[in-house]
Structures are given as structure tokens and as C-alpha cells.
Amino acid sequence: MQRVPLCVGISADEGQTWRVRDIESDVGIFAYPKLLQSQDGIWHLFYSYDYRHIQHAWFEEDWLEGGRRVLG
């Protein structure tokens, strides 16, 4: 099953609205996401890319907060 886009979001109002950024927008299979924050405040997202390898994306919370606003 293709899942496009792969997004990550943050909410400051308990899920009523979200700030969202796309991590992957190309067609593909993105599965088994794992999100964690390191001690330096950087967020790390790991996920399977087309079941062939593990992809790693990282970002600061400020980048995420600048994303598009969507309703929960």
C-alpha cells in the first residue's frame, strides 16, 4: 500500500489543529515510522523506504512549527 505523502506534525492545542510538514512526497511505500527526540532537541524520524532500507530524517521543532496548519 502506497502512503503519500509521509508527514510529521505537532499540535499545541491537544489535537484541534496541527502544524504539518511533508517528509516524503514522492510515490513510495513508507512504513514503520519511529520518532524520537535526542538530548540536543533534534527530532529524528526513522522509517522503512519501500521495504528496502531504513531512511533517517531529522529536524528542529522550529522547522516543524513553521509548517502548514491543518485541522485535527
Protein backbone atom coordinates (compact mmCIF):
# COMPACT_ATOMS: atom_id res chain seq x y z
CA MET A 1 0.00 0.00 0.00
CA GLN A 2 1.45 3.34 -1.00
CA ARG A 3 1.37 6.09 1.58
CA VAL A 4 1.99 9.51 0.10
CA PRO A 5 2.90 11.94 1.47
CA LEU A 6 4.66 10.91 4.65
CA CYS A 7 4.05 13.79 7.08
CA VAL A 8 5.03 14.74 10.59
CA GLY A 9 3.04 17.17 12.71
CA ILE A 10 2.86 18.91 16.05
CA SER A 11 -0.13 20.26 17.96
CA ALA A 12 -0.16 22.96 20.64
CA ASP A 13 -3.90 22.66 21.35
CA GLU A 14 -4.41 18.96 22.13
CA GLY A 15 -5.01 17.92 18.53
CA GLN A 16 -7.53 20.57 17.42
CA THR A 17 -5.03 22.00 14.93
CA TRP A 18 -1.67 20.78 13.68
CA ARG A 19 1.43 22.24 12.06
CA VAL A 20 2.45 19.71 9.42
CA ARG A 21 5.45 19.20 7.13
CA ASP A 22 5.94 16.60 4.41
CA ILE A 23 8.94 14.31 4.86
CA GLU A 24 8.34 12.32 1.64
CA SER A 25 6.13 13.46 -1.22
CA ASP A 26 7.25 11.07 -3.98
CA VAL A 27 5.28 7.90 -4.62
CA GLY A 28 6.51 5.06 -2.44
CA ILE A 29 5.85 2.79 0.48
CA PHE A 30 6.78 4.35 3.80
CA ALA A 31 6.21 2.15 6.82
CA TYR A 32 7.11 1.51 10.45
CA PRO A 33 7.83 5.12 11.46
CA LYS A 34 9.69 5.77 14.71
CA LEU A 35 10.04 9.32 16.04
CA LEU A 36 12.30 10.34 18.90
CA GLN A 37 13.92 13.47 20.26
CA SER A 38 17.61 13.46 21.17
CA GLN A 39 19.04 15.30 24.16
CA ASP A 40 20.12 18.21 21.96
CA GLY A 41 16.47 18.84 20.99
CA ILE A 42 16.72 17.45 17.43
CA TRP A 43 13.82 15.24 16.30
CA HIS A 44 14.77 12.04 14.45
CA LEU A 45 12.36 10.11 12.24
CA PHE A 46 13.25 6.61 11.05
CA TYR A 47 11.07 4.69 8.60
CA SER A 48 11.17 1.92 6.04
CA TYR A 49 11.51 3.15 2.46
CA ASP A 50 9.84 0.74 0.01
CA TYR A 51 10.72 -2.08 2.44
CA ARG A 52 14.29 -1.92 1.06
CA HIS A 53 16.13 0.26 3.55
CA ILE A 54 15.70 2.46 6.60
CA GLN A 55 15.51 6.19 5.96
CA HIS A 56 16.52 8.81 8.56
CA ALA A 57 15.19 12.38 8.61
CA TRP A 58 16.00 14.92 11.31
CA PHE A 59 14.69 18.39 12.07
CA GLU A 60 14.34 21.01 14.77
CA GLU A 61 10.99 21.75 16.34
CA ASP A 62 11.04 25.32 14.95
CA TRP A 63 11.06 23.90 11.41
CA LEU A 64 8.03 21.78 12.22
CA GLU A 65 6.14 24.68 13.83
CA GLY A 66 6.56 26.62 10.58
CA GLY A 67 4.58 24.02 8.63
CA ARG A 68 1.14 24.33 7.11
CA ARG A 69 -1.82 24.50 9.50
CA VAL A 70 -4.40 21.72 9.31
CA LEU A 71 -7.45 20.93 11.40
CA GLY A 72 -7.37 17.86 13.63
